[in-house]
Amino acid sequence: MQKVMNWLTALSLSQKVVVGALAVAVLYLLGTSFSSENQANKLDLSYVGDIASESSQVGSQIFVHVAGEVKKPGLYAVEVGSRVEDAIELAGGMTSSAFEQSVNLARMVSDGEQIVVLDKSQVSSGGTNSQFISLNNATLEQLESLPGVGPAMASRIIEHRESIGSFSDLTQLKDVSGIGDKLYAKISKDLTL
């Protein structure tokens, strides 16, 4: 029973609606098959299709927050499966001072995500004058400049980045072997996506 409950809680809203509609239909069929008048032949299940189509519409849009160097920062509704580029276009596109490589334009967005486009002055180009190091674009040397990060740790960060495609959240850095809460707290203030 616990496995069934875990499975049900893992379903999305649209999947729960479809499962619920099917359960109602099965219960109705069972109920009519045991009735004395046997009304199963009169069963109208056309509403099940309506429920299924409505449930697919419920989850077709997600919301993302586009901030930083875009012309119209704000909260935007995008279709499921949209890319970062689509969200930035809805926000009016990037400003002239935007550092385009600070975001992965091809990455699919997820519900509730914040996309931050950095200013060119905010991204490290190997020097020490900028405010942040881009976790998705940093070189081995740039990562080694972080406090507590040596060549081995910098290599593990880059290997992890390559294995997942790109970081979508700074907290994913904790998935790298050897980065715990203390080291994360030390270096995260100097990083951006």
C-alpha atoms as a PDB file:
ATOM      1  CA  MET A   1       0.000   0.000   0.000  1.00  0.00           C
ATOM      2  CA  GLN A   2       2.890   2.334   0.819  1.00  0.00           C
ATOM      3  CA  LYS A   3       4.336   1.827  -2.678  1.00  0.00           C
ATOM      4  CA  VAL A   4       1.017   2.824  -4.230  1.00  0.00           C
ATOM      5  CA  MET A   5       0.847   5.935  -2.036  1.00  0.00           C
ATOM      6  CA  ASN A   6       4.424   6.911  -2.986  1.00  0.00           C
ATOM      7  CA  TRP A   7       3.584   6.403  -6.646  1.00  0.00           C
ATOM      8  CA  LEU A   8       0.474   8.570  -6.389  1.00  0.00           C
ATOM      9  CA  THR A   9       2.275  11.417  -4.640  1.00  0.00           C
ATOM     10  CA  ALA A  10       4.985  11.411  -7.325  1.00  0.00           C
ATOM     11  CA  LEU A  11       2.443  12.027 -10.112  1.00  0.00           C
ATOM     12  CA  SER A  12       1.961  15.490 -11.602  1.00  0.00           C
ATOM     13  CA  LEU A  13      -1.398  17.236 -11.290  1.00  0.00           C
ATOM     14  CA  SER A  14      -2.449  16.313 -14.828  1.00  0.00           C
ATOM     15  CA  GLN A  15      -1.494  12.672 -14.275  1.00  0.00           C
ATOM     16  CA  LYS A  16      -3.487  12.597 -11.026  1.00  0.00           C
ATOM     17  CA  VAL A  17      -6.544  13.959 -12.843  1.00  0.00           C
ATOM     18  CA  VAL A  18      -6.301  11.260 -15.515  1.00  0.00           C
ATOM     19  CA  VAL A  19      -5.783   8.489 -12.929  1.00  0.00           C
ATOM     20  CA  GLY A  20      -8.731   9.815 -10.916  1.00  0.00           C
ATOM     21  CA  ALA A  21     -10.981   9.908 -13.986  1.00  0.00           C
ATOM     22  CA  LEU A  22     -10.036   6.347 -14.895  1.00  0.00           C
ATOM     23  CA  ALA A  23     -10.650   5.155 -11.323  1.00  0.00           C
ATOM     24  CA  VAL A  24     -14.121   6.740 -11.341  1.00  0.00           C
ATOM     25  CA  ALA A  25     -14.879   5.095 -14.686  1.00  0.00           C
ATOM     26  CA  VAL A  26     -13.760   1.667 -13.423  1.00  0.00           C
ATOM     27  CA  LEU A  27     -15.799   2.005 -10.231  1.00  0.00           C
ATOM     28  CA  TYR A  28     -18.846   3.058 -12.236  1.00  0.00           C
ATOM     29  CA  LEU A  29     -18.464   0.089 -14.564  1.00  0.00           C
ATOM     30  CA  LEU A  30     -18.125  -2.298 -11.635  1.00  0.00           C
ATOM     31  CA  GLY A  31     -21.174  -0.778  -9.960  1.00  0.00           C
ATOM     32  CA  THR A  32     -23.353  -1.068 -13.047  1.00  0.00           C
ATOM     33  CA  SER A  33     -22.245  -4.608 -13.811  1.00  0.00           C
ATOM     34  CA  PHE A  34     -23.657  -5.780 -10.464  1.00  0.00           C
ATOM     35  CA  SER A  35     -26.924  -3.868 -10.735  1.00  0.00           C
ATOM     36  CA  SER A  36     -30.131  -5.773 -11.447  1.00  0.00           C
ATOM     37  CA  GLU A  37     -30.971  -3.604 -14.458  1.00  0.00           C
ATOM     38  CA  ASN A  38     -27.516  -4.011 -16.014  1.00  0.00           C
ATOM     39  CA  GLN A  39     -27.166  -0.444 -17.260  1.00  0.00           C
ATOM     40  CA  ALA A  40     -23.623  -0.932 -18.511  1.00  0.00           C
ATOM     41  CA  ASN A  41     -24.868  -0.623 -22.102  1.00  0.00           C
ATOM     42  CA  LYS A  42     -26.113   2.909 -21.350  1.00  0.00           C
ATOM     43  CA  LEU A  43     -22.792   4.081 -19.932  1.00  0.00           C
ATOM     44  CA  ASP A  44     -21.597   7.436 -21.294  1.00  0.00           C
ATOM     45  CA  LEU A  45     -17.871   7.903 -20.730  1.00  0.00           C
ATOM     46  CA  SER A  46     -17.455  10.870 -23.073  1.00  0.00           C
ATOM     47  CA  TYR A  47     -16.581  13.078 -20.085  1.00  0.00           C
ATOM     48  CA  VAL A  48     -13.425  11.007 -19.442  1.00  0.00           C
ATOM     49  CA  GLY A  49     -11.929  12.298 -22.694  1.00  0.00           C
ATOM     50  CA  ASP A  50     -12.901  15.850 -21.719  1.00  0.00           C
ATOM     51  CA  ILE A  51     -11.186  15.469 -18.343  1.00  0.00           C
ATOM     52  CA  ALA A  52      -8.057  14.078 -19.967  1.00  0.00           C
ATOM     53  CA  SER A  53      -7.856  16.942 -22.484  1.00  0.00           C
ATOM     54  CA  GLU A  54      -8.457  19.526 -19.736  1.00  0.00           C
ATOM     55  CA  SER A  55      -5.723  17.977 -17.589  1.00  0.00           C
ATOM     56  CA  SER A  56      -3.216  18.307 -20.421  1.00  0.00           C
ATOM     57  CA  GLN A  57      -4.110  22.010 -20.681  1.00  0.00           C
ATOM     58  CA  VAL A  58      -3.635  22.553 -16.929  1.00  0.00           C
ATOM     59  CA  GLY A  59       0.052  21.692 -17.047  1.00  0.00           C
ATOM     60  CA  SER A  60       0.953  23.165 -20.448  1.00  0.00           C
ATOM     61  CA  GLN A  61       2.405  26.408 -19.067  1.00  0.00           C
ATOM     62  CA  ILE A  62       5.083  27.043 -16.492  1.00  0.00           C
ATOM     63  CA  PHE A  63       6.380  30.257 -14.953  1.00  0.00           C
ATOM     64  CA  VAL A  64       9.936  31.568 -15.046  1.00  0.00           C
ATOM     65  CA  HIS A  65      11.481  34.725 -13.614  1.00  0.00           C
ATOM     66  CA  VAL A  66      13.771  36.468 -16.095  1.00  0.00           C
ATOM     67  CA  ALA A  67      16.132  38.989 -14.484  1.00  0.00           C
ATOM     68  CA  GLY A  68      19.377  40.833 -15.031  1.00  0.00           C
ATOM     69  CA  GLU A  69      20.434  42.278 -18.346  1.00  0.00           C
ATOM     70  CA  VAL A  70      17.148  41.916 -20.245  1.00  0.00           C
ATOM     71  CA  LYS A  71      14.973  44.757 -21.523  1.00  0.00           C
ATOM     72  CA  LYS A  72      11.822  43.814 -19.551  1.00  0.00           C
ATOM     73  CA  PRO A  73      12.697  41.752 -16.458  1.00  0.00           C
ATOM     74  CA  GLY A  74       9.773  39.965 -14.851  1.00  0.00           C
ATOM     75  CA  LEU A  75       7.691  36.838 -14.431  1.00  0.00           C
ATOM     76  CA  TYR A  76       6.688  35.107 -17.655  1.00  0.00           C
ATOM     77  CA  ALA A  77       4.463  32.139 -18.566  1.00  0.00           C
ATOM     78  CA  VAL A  78       6.086  29.850 -21.128  1.00  0.00           C
ATOM     79  CA  GLU A  79       5.032  26.561 -22.666  1.00  0.00           C
ATOM     80  CA  VAL A  80       6.384  23.333 -21.181  1.00  0.00           C
ATOM     81  CA  GLY A  81       9.484  22.439 -23.175  1.00  0.00           C
ATOM     82  CA  SER A  82      10.485  26.061 -23.787  1.00  0.00           C
ATOM     83  CA  ARG A  83      14.130  27.021 -23.860  1.00  0.00           C
ATOM     84  CA  VAL A  84      15.994  29.791 -22.019  1.00  0.00           C
ATOM     85  CA  GLU A  85      16.135  31.682 -25.320  1.00  0.00           C
ATOM     86  CA  ASP A  86      12.300  31.709 -25.507  1.00  0.00           C
ATOM     87  CA  ALA A  87      11.999  33.188 -22.010  1.00  0.00           C
ATOM     88  CA  ILE A  88      14.598  35.865 -22.745  1.00  0.00           C
ATOM     89  CA  GLU A  89      12.764  36.799 -25.951  1.00  0.00           C
ATOM     90  CA  LEU A  90       9.560  37.280 -23.945  1.00  0.00           C
ATOM     91  CA  ALA A  91      11.537  39.623 -21.689  1.00  0.00           C
ATOM     92  CA  GLY A  92      12.392  41.795 -24.681  1.00  0.00           C
ATOM     93  CA  GLY A  93      15.760  40.244 -25.381  1.00  0.00           C
ATOM     94  CA  MET A  94      19.150  40.985 -23.898  1.00  0.00           C
ATOM     95  CA  THR A  95      20.507  44.487 -23.338  1.00  0.00           C
ATOM     96  CA  SER A  96      23.641  45.664 -25.133  1.00  0.00           C
ATOM     97  CA  SER A  97      25.733  45.118 -21.988  1.00  0.00           C
ATOM     98  CA  ALA A  98      24.491  41.536 -21.481  1.00  0.00           C
ATOM     99  CA  PHE A  99      27.029  38.709 -21.442  1.00  0.00           C
ATOM    100  CA  GLU A 100      25.229  36.175 -23.644  1.00  0.00           C
ATOM    101  CA  GLN A 101      27.418  33.275 -22.524  1.00  0.00           C
ATOM    102  CA  SER A 102      26.252  33.708 -18.918  1.00  0.00           C
ATOM    103  CA  VAL A 103      23.210  31.578 -19.765  1.00  0.00           C
ATOM    104  CA  ASN A 104      22.734  28.427 -21.817  1.00  0.00           C
ATOM    105  CA  LEU A 105      20.179  29.551 -24.406  1.00  0.00           C
ATOM    106  CA  ALA A 106      19.466  25.977 -25.510  1.00  0.00           C
ATOM    107  CA  ARG A 107      18.627  24.643 -22.021  1.00  0.00           C
ATOM    108  CA  MET A 108      14.987  23.770 -21.270  1.00  0.00           C
ATOM    109  CA  VAL A 109      13.476  25.837 -18.475  1.00  0.00           C
ATOM    110  CA  SER A 110      11.667  24.429 -15.461  1.00  0.00           C
ATOM    111  CA  ASP A 111       8.727  25.756 -13.477  1.00  0.00           C
ATOM    112  CA  GLY A 112       9.673  28.360 -10.875  1.00  0.00           C
ATOM    113  CA  GLU A 113      13.154  28.881 -12.288  1.00  0.00           C
ATOM    114  CA  GLN A 114      14.976  32.208 -12.217  1.00  0.00           C
ATOM    115  CA  ILE A 115      17.073  33.021 -15.279  1.00  0.00           C
ATOM    116  CA  VAL A 116      19.668  35.721 -14.647  1.00  0.00           C
ATOM    117  CA  VAL A 117      21.520  37.287 -17.575  1.00  0.00           C
ATOM    118  CA  LEU A 118      24.736  38.852 -16.326  1.00  0.00           C
ATOM    119  CA  ASP A 119      26.351  42.105 -17.326  1.00  0.00           C
ATOM    120  CA  LYS A 120      29.706  41.704 -19.083  1.00  0.00           C
ATOM    121  CA  SER A 121      31.394  43.387 -16.122  1.00  0.00           C
ATOM    122  CA  GLN A 122      30.061  40.736 -13.717  1.00  0.00           C
ATOM    123  CA  VAL A 123      31.747  37.766 -15.378  1.00  0.00           C
ATOM    124  CA  SER A 124      35.332  36.817 -14.722  1.00  0.00           C
ATOM    125  CA  SER A 125      37.605  36.664 -17.721  1.00  0.00           C
ATOM    126  CA  GLY A 126      40.517  35.349 -15.688  1.00  0.00           C
ATOM    127  CA  GLY A 127      41.228  38.625 -13.935  1.00  0.00           C
ATOM    128  CA  THR A 128      40.255  39.656 -10.427  1.00  0.00           C
ATOM    129  CA  ASN A 129      38.250  42.781 -11.278  1.00  0.00           C
ATOM    130  CA  SER A 130      34.883  41.139 -11.866  1.00  0.00           C
ATOM    131  CA  GLN A 131      32.285  40.283  -9.243  1.00  0.00           C
ATOM    132  CA  PHE A 132      31.447  36.656 -10.117  1.00  0.00           C
ATOM    133  CA  ILE A 133      32.815  33.551 -11.765  1.00  0.00           C
ATOM    134  CA  SER A 134      30.370  31.821 -14.088  1.00  0.00           C
ATOM    135  CA  LEU A 135      30.022  28.217 -12.917  1.00  0.00           C
ATOM    136  CA  ASN A 136      28.874  27.120 -16.380  1.00  0.00           C
ATOM    137  CA  ASN A 137      31.735  28.838 -18.234  1.00  0.00           C
ATOM    138  CA  ALA A 138      34.639  28.869 -15.773  1.00  0.00           C
ATOM    139  CA  THR A 139      37.999  27.450 -16.701  1.00  0.00           C
ATOM    140  CA  LEU A 140      40.062  25.227 -14.432  1.00  0.00           C
ATOM    141  CA  GLU A 141      42.189  28.232 -13.455  1.00  0.00           C
ATOM    142  CA  GLN A 142      39.168  30.376 -12.595  1.00  0.00           C
ATOM    143  CA  LEU A 143      37.725  27.661 -10.356  1.00  0.00           C
ATOM    144  CA  GLU A 144      41.101  27.209  -8.657  1.00  0.00           C
ATOM    145  CA  SER A 145      41.012  30.906  -7.709  1.00  0.00           C
ATOM    146  CA  LEU A 146      38.077  30.178  -5.382  1.00  0.00           C
ATOM    147  CA  PRO A 147      38.930  29.749  -1.689  1.00  0.00           C
ATOM    148  CA  GLY A 148      39.458  26.088  -0.788  1.00  0.00           C
ATOM    149  CA  VAL A 149      39.358  24.859  -4.397  1.00  0.00           C
ATOM    150  CA  GLY A 150      42.513  23.241  -5.735  1.00  0.00           C
ATOM    151  CA  PRO A 151      43.246  21.559  -9.077  1.00  0.00           C
ATOM    152  CA  ALA A 152      41.582  18.258  -8.134  1.00  0.00           C
ATOM    153  CA  MET A 153      38.368  19.923  -6.896  1.00  0.00           C
ATOM    154  CA  ALA A 154      38.270  22.250  -9.916  1.00  0.00           C
ATOM    155  CA  SER A 155      38.583  19.193 -12.189  1.00  0.00           C
ATOM    156  CA  ARG A 156      35.709  17.428 -10.377  1.00  0.00           C
ATOM    157  CA  ILE A 157      33.522  20.539 -10.764  1.00  0.00           C
ATOM    158  CA  ILE A 158      34.200  20.661 -14.514  1.00  0.00           C
ATOM    159  CA  GLU A 159      33.611  16.887 -14.871  1.00  0.00           C
ATOM    160  CA  HIS A 160      30.285  17.216 -13.040  1.00  0.00           C
ATOM    161  CA  ARG A 161      29.302  20.217 -15.198  1.00  0.00           C
ATOM    162  CA  GLU A 162      30.034  18.216 -18.353  1.00  0.00           C
ATOM    163  CA  SER A 163      28.113  15.181 -17.086  1.00  0.00           C
ATOM    164  CA  ILE A 164      24.933  17.197 -16.395  1.00  0.00           C
ATOM    165  CA  GLY A 165      25.221  19.549 -19.377  1.00  0.00           C
ATOM    166  CA  SER A 166      25.237  22.705 -17.274  1.00  0.00           C
ATOM    167  CA  PHE A 167      24.355  23.834 -13.794  1.00  0.00           C
ATOM    168  CA  SER A 168      20.780  25.128 -13.498  1.00  0.00           C
ATOM    169  CA  ASP A 169      21.150  26.014  -9.812  1.00  0.00           C
ATOM    170  CA  LEU A 170      24.213  26.825  -7.706  1.00  0.00           C
ATOM    171  CA  THR A 171      23.143  24.274  -5.085  1.00  0.00           C
ATOM    172  CA  GLN A 172      23.921  21.512  -7.620  1.00  0.00           C
ATOM    173  CA  LEU A 173      27.543  22.230  -6.749  1.00  0.00           C
ATOM    174  CA  LYS A 174      26.953  20.244  -3.550  1.00  0.00           C
ATOM    175  CA  ASP A 175      26.574  17.142  -5.742  1.00  0.00           C
ATOM    176  CA  VAL A 176      30.298  17.334  -6.522  1.00  0.00           C
ATOM    177  CA  SER A 177      32.303  14.944  -4.347  1.00  0.00           C
ATOM    178  CA  GLY A 178      34.139  16.908  -1.651  1.00  0.00           C
ATOM    179  CA  ILE A 179      31.882  19.970  -1.626  1.00  0.00           C
ATOM    180  CA  GLY A 180      29.972  20.107   1.610  1.00  0.00           C
ATOM    181  CA  ASP A 181      28.043  22.890   3.296  1.00  0.00           C
ATOM    182  CA  LYS A 182      31.172  24.685   4.581  1.00  0.00           C
ATOM    183  CA  LEU A 183      32.992  24.842   1.249  1.00  0.00           C
ATOM    184  CA  TYR A 184      29.760  25.655  -0.571  1.00  0.00           C
ATOM    185  CA  ALA A 185      29.130  28.601   1.774  1.00  0.00           C
ATOM    186  CA  LYS A 186      32.684  29.836   1.153  1.00  0.00           C
ATOM    187  CA  ILE A 187      32.614  29.734  -2.644  1.00  0.00           C
ATOM    188  CA  SER A 188      28.967  30.237  -3.618  1.00  0.00           C
ATOM    189  CA  LYS A 189      29.100  33.977  -2.910  1.00  0.00           C
ATOM    190  CA  ASP A 190      31.688  34.343  -5.681  1.00  0.00           C
ATOM    191  CA  LEU A 191      29.780  32.260  -8.246  1.00  0.00           C
ATOM    192  CA  THR A 192      26.953  32.680 -10.674  1.00  0.00           C
ATOM    193  CA  LEU A 193      25.482  30.380 -13.301  1.00  0.00           C
END
